[in-house]
Amino acid sequence: MAMNGLTTGQEETLRRYGELLASYRGRVRLTGPQEEGALWEDHILDCAASVPHLPPSGRIVDVGSGGGLPGLVWAILRPDLDVTLLDSVRKKCDALSEMADVLKLRNVRVVWSRCEDYARGERESFDLAGARALAQAGVLTELLAPLVRVEGRLLAFKGPLHGEETAPVVGRWGDLGLSAPAVMAYHGDGDGRVLLLWTKEAPCPGRFPRRAGVAEKTHWWR
């Protein structure tokens, strides 16, 4: 085994992925700090912390994938899952496709689309939908819930202010067919990073998703 509980092969592939991400500096903005050391500690290993919460089998989607965080990490560490990387920016999708090809990931599908539009054709067909640094929790659940089958899960990476994001929606998650979120701290270093995990308990009402861009402007819980 390699460091952080990874096999040697997994760590080598993740390191290569970090090199590829860093190589896009100046061409396509795929993430924040792009030095390889920062990418490894703050982004790649951060995403790897969510892997124990992925489903045992099936289809998962990373919404607003950007540089493939967390979707490409998921694909590397769980080659048995079908992983869709969804982004609305064509250049980012092109970069994702290139990286998946270089890394020889056969379980990855890259889709160029707005989430709201994509959900209309792939409604409730995924076992898990997740996102990292995409939107505040209430908005994010409107985007993800229509994609996930009943008994599937939604996953969001959040920081120490997660309680402020979820407070306005307490008692209303069922309007999207969701449970209240479970809060899972990770890394154990007291920095407040958590995963929010919702279970899809009932079908998402047909009025969702709304038109692209509406979720951010008019909150569904108000």
Protein backbone atom coordinates (compact mmCIF):
# COMPACT_ATOMS: atom_id res chain seq x y z
CA MET A 1 0.00 0.00 0.00
CA ALA A 2 1.01 3.59 -0.59
CA MET A 3 0.36 6.63 1.57
CA ASN A 4 -3.14 7.63 2.75
CA GLY A 5 -4.47 4.09 2.31
CA LEU A 6 -4.05 4.17 -1.48
CA THR A 7 -2.50 1.39 -3.48
CA THR A 8 0.70 2.23 -5.33
CA GLY A 9 -1.16 2.19 -8.65
CA GLN A 10 -3.87 4.50 -7.37
CA GLU A 11 -1.38 6.97 -5.96
CA GLU A 12 0.61 6.98 -9.20
CA THR A 13 -2.53 7.69 -11.24
CA LEU A 14 -3.66 10.43 -8.86
CA ARG A 15 -0.18 12.01 -8.97
CA ARG A 16 -0.29 11.95 -12.77
CA TYR A 17 -3.71 13.57 -12.63
CA GLY A 18 -2.26 16.34 -10.44
CA GLU A 19 0.49 16.92 -12.99
CA LEU A 20 -2.10 17.20 -15.75
CA LEU A 21 -4.18 19.66 -13.75
CA ALA A 22 -1.13 21.83 -13.11
CA SER A 23 -0.21 21.72 -16.80
CA TYR A 24 -3.40 23.58 -17.74
CA ARG A 25 -2.25 26.70 -15.88
CA GLY A 26 -2.70 29.69 -18.18
CA ARG A 27 -4.89 27.81 -20.65
CA VAL A 28 -8.06 26.83 -18.79
CA ARG A 29 -8.93 27.73 -15.20
CA LEU A 30 -9.81 24.35 -13.76
CA THR A 31 -9.27 24.96 -10.04
CA GLY A 32 -7.72 27.38 -7.56
CA PRO A 33 -4.03 27.08 -6.53
CA GLN A 34 -2.33 24.98 -9.18
CA GLU A 35 1.07 24.13 -7.72
CA GLU A 36 1.26 20.35 -7.60
CA GLY A 37 1.78 20.24 -3.83
CA ALA A 38 -1.33 22.34 -3.17
CA LEU A 39 -3.33 20.34 -5.69
CA TRP A 40 -2.40 17.09 -3.96
CA GLU A 41 -3.11 18.14 -0.38
CA ASP A 42 -5.96 20.62 -0.78
CA HIS A 43 -7.82 19.16 -3.72
CA ILE A 44 -7.01 15.56 -4.68
CA LEU A 45 -6.74 14.08 -1.18
CA ASP A 46 -9.67 16.25 -0.09
CA CYS A 47 -11.83 14.65 -2.80
CA ALA A 48 -10.55 11.17 -1.95
CA ALA A 49 -12.04 11.55 1.53
CA SER A 50 -15.51 11.20 0.01
CA VAL A 51 -14.87 7.82 -1.61
CA PRO A 52 -16.18 5.74 1.34
CA HIS A 53 -19.56 7.40 0.83
CA LEU A 54 -19.95 6.42 -2.81
CA PRO A 55 -22.51 3.72 -3.69
CA PRO A 56 -21.44 0.08 -3.98
CA SER A 57 -22.29 0.06 -7.69
CA GLY A 58 -24.04 2.04 -10.41
CA ARG A 59 -23.87 5.53 -11.90
CA ILE A 60 -22.63 8.71 -10.25
CA VAL A 61 -22.39 12.29 -11.54
CA ASP A 62 -20.07 15.17 -10.61
CA VAL A 63 -22.01 18.38 -11.31
CA GLY A 64 -19.93 21.44 -12.23
CA SER A 65 -16.91 19.19 -12.48
CA GLY A 66 -14.46 21.92 -13.54
CA GLY A 67 -11.10 20.17 -13.47
CA GLY A 68 -12.55 16.81 -12.44
CA LEU A 69 -12.70 17.43 -8.71
CA PRO A 70 -14.11 15.19 -7.37
CA GLY A 71 -15.25 13.21 -10.44
CA LEU A 72 -11.89 12.13 -11.83
CA VAL A 73 -10.70 11.21 -8.35
CA TRP A 74 -13.81 9.06 -8.00
CA ALA A 75 -13.18 7.43 -11.36
CA ILE A 76 -9.58 6.60 -10.46
CA LEU A 77 -10.37 5.17 -7.04
CA ARG A 78 -13.63 3.43 -8.02
CA PRO A 79 -13.17 2.01 -11.53
CA ASP A 80 -16.24 -0.16 -10.97
CA LEU A 81 -18.53 2.91 -11.04
CA ASP A 82 -19.77 4.73 -14.14
CA VAL A 83 -18.76 8.37 -13.59
CA THR A 84 -20.29 11.29 -15.48
CA LEU A 85 -18.46 14.63 -15.41
CA LEU A 86 -20.94 17.44 -16.10
CA ASP A 87 -19.92 21.02 -16.82
CA SER A 88 -21.44 23.95 -18.71
CA VAL A 89 -18.09 25.30 -20.01
CA ARG A 90 -16.92 23.71 -23.26
CA LYS A 91 -13.19 24.31 -22.65
CA LYS A 92 -13.38 22.57 -19.30
CA CYS A 93 -15.17 19.60 -20.87
CA ASP A 94 -12.49 19.37 -23.54
CA ALA A 95 -9.80 19.37 -20.83
CA LEU A 96 -11.67 16.71 -18.85
CA SER A 97 -11.90 14.48 -21.91
CA GLU A 98 -8.19 14.91 -22.60
CA MET A 99 -7.23 14.04 -19.04
CA ALA A 100 -9.51 10.99 -18.94
CA ASP A 101 -7.90 9.76 -22.17
CA VAL A 102 -4.35 10.29 -20.90
CA LEU A 103 -5.19 8.50 -17.64
CA LYS A 104 -6.87 5.68 -19.60
CA LEU A 105 -10.07 5.94 -17.59
CA ARG A 106 -12.71 3.85 -19.33
CA ASN A 107 -15.46 4.52 -16.79
CA VAL A 108 -15.75 8.26 -17.48
CA ARG A 109 -18.27 10.14 -19.58
CA VAL A 110 -17.90 13.91 -20.07
CA VAL A 111 -21.06 15.94 -20.76
CA TRP A 112 -21.18 19.59 -21.84
CA SER A 113 -24.50 20.93 -20.52
CA ARG A 114 -26.21 23.01 -17.89
CA CYS A 115 -27.31 20.79 -15.02
CA GLU A 116 -30.95 21.84 -15.35
CA ASP A 117 -31.05 20.89 -19.02
CA TYR A 118 -29.24 17.60 -18.52
CA ALA A 119 -31.57 16.55 -15.70
CA ARG A 120 -34.57 16.64 -18.01
CA GLY A 121 -33.14 13.80 -20.09
CA GLU A 122 -31.47 11.88 -17.22
CA ARG A 123 -34.10 12.36 -14.57
CA GLU A 124 -33.64 10.26 -11.43
CA SER A 125 -31.18 7.93 -13.17
CA PHE A 126 -28.10 8.29 -10.94
CA ASP A 127 -27.23 6.52 -7.70
CA LEU A 128 -25.36 9.57 -6.42
CA ALA A 129 -24.94 13.18 -7.52
CA GLY A 130 -22.21 15.29 -5.97
CA ALA A 131 -20.56 18.67 -6.25
CA ARG A 132 -17.67 20.61 -4.79
CA ALA A 133 -17.49 24.41 -4.61
CA LEU A 134 -20.50 24.85 -6.89
CA ALA A 135 -23.31 26.53 -4.93
CA GLN A 136 -24.68 27.00 -1.42
CA ALA A 137 -26.49 24.00 -0.03
CA GLY A 138 -30.10 25.00 -0.68
CA VAL A 139 -29.44 25.92 -4.31
CA LEU A 140 -27.27 22.86 -4.81
CA THR A 141 -29.98 20.45 -3.70
CA GLU A 142 -32.38 21.83 -6.33
CA LEU A 143 -29.74 21.13 -8.99
CA LEU A 144 -28.84 17.64 -7.77
CA ALA A 145 -32.13 16.19 -6.54
CA PRO A 146 -33.76 15.72 -9.99
CA LEU A 147 -30.78 13.61 -11.10
CA VAL A 148 -30.88 11.04 -8.28
CA ARG A 149 -33.08 7.96 -8.04
CA VAL A 150 -35.18 7.30 -4.96
CA GLU A 151 -32.91 5.76 -2.28
CA GLY A 152 -29.88 7.37 -3.93
CA ARG A 153 -27.80 10.10 -2.31
CA LEU A 154 -26.67 13.69 -2.80
CA LEU A 155 -23.17 14.68 -1.65
CA ALA A 156 -21.69 18.13 -1.12
CA PHE A 157 -18.27 19.26 0.13
CA LYS A 158 -18.64 22.11 2.61
CA GLY A 159 -16.66 24.13 5.11
CA PRO A 160 -17.21 25.51 8.62
CA LEU A 161 -20.14 27.72 7.51
CA HIS A 162 -22.25 24.78 6.38
CA GLY A 163 -24.71 25.35 9.22
CA GLU A 164 -25.46 28.86 7.98
CA GLU A 165 -26.19 27.45 4.53
CA THR A 166 -28.58 24.77 5.71
CA ALA A 167 -30.35 26.72 8.48
CA PRO A 168 -32.88 28.47 6.19
CA VAL A 169 -33.95 25.12 4.72
CA VAL A 170 -34.47 23.17 7.96
CA GLY A 171 -37.78 21.33 7.79
CA ARG A 172 -38.14 21.87 4.04
CA TRP A 173 -35.86 19.24 2.51
CA GLY A 174 -38.82 16.95 1.95
CA ASP A 175 -40.13 19.42 -0.65
CA LEU A 176 -37.39 18.03 -2.93
CA GLY A 177 -37.92 14.44 -1.81
CA LEU A 178 -34.88 14.55 0.46
CA SER A 179 -33.99 13.65 4.00
CA ALA A 180 -32.30 16.19 6.23
CA PRO A 181 -28.55 16.16 5.54
CA ALA A 182 -26.16 14.01 7.52
CA VAL A 183 -23.02 15.96 8.44
CA MET A 184 -19.79 13.98 8.20
CA ALA A 185 -16.59 15.67 9.38
CA TYR A 186 -13.38 14.50 7.75
CA HIS A 187 -9.59 14.92 7.97
CA GLY A 188 -9.82 15.28 11.75
CA ASP A 189 -7.74 18.45 11.85
CA GLY A 190 -10.42 20.77 13.19
CA ASP A 191 -10.65 22.91 10.06
CA GLY A 192 -14.40 22.43 9.78
CA ARG A 193 -14.50 20.56 6.48
CA VAL A 194 -17.55 18.32 6.17
CA LEU A 195 -19.50 16.26 3.71
CA LEU A 196 -23.25 16.85 3.60
CA LEU A 197 -25.17 13.72 2.57
CA TRP A 198 -28.86 13.66 1.73
CA THR A 199 -30.88 10.51 0.99
CA LYS A 200 -33.51 10.66 -1.74
CA GLU A 201 -36.66 9.49 0.05
CA ALA A 202 -39.31 10.28 -2.57
CA PRO A 203 -39.45 11.38 -6.22
CA CYS A 204 -38.47 14.97 -6.87
CA PRO A 205 -41.54 17.08 -7.77
CA GLY A 206 -41.98 17.59 -11.51
CA ARG A 207 -41.57 21.37 -11.26
CA PHE A 208 -37.86 20.80 -10.66
CA PRO A 209 -35.49 21.49 -12.26
CA ARG A 210 -36.57 25.01 -13.16
CA ARG A 211 -35.03 26.95 -16.03
CA ALA A 212 -31.26 27.36 -16.02
CA GLY A 213 -30.18 30.10 -13.63
CA VAL A 214 -33.46 30.38 -11.72
CA ALA A 215 -32.32 28.36 -8.68
CA GLU A 216 -29.70 30.96 -7.76
CA LYS A 217 -32.11 33.90 -8.14
CA THR A 218 -35.34 32.56 -6.62
CA HIS A 219 -34.84 30.11 -3.79
CA TRP A 220 -37.26 27.19 -3.78
CA TRP A 221 -37.69 27.14 0.01
CA ARG A 222 -39.03 30.68 0.26
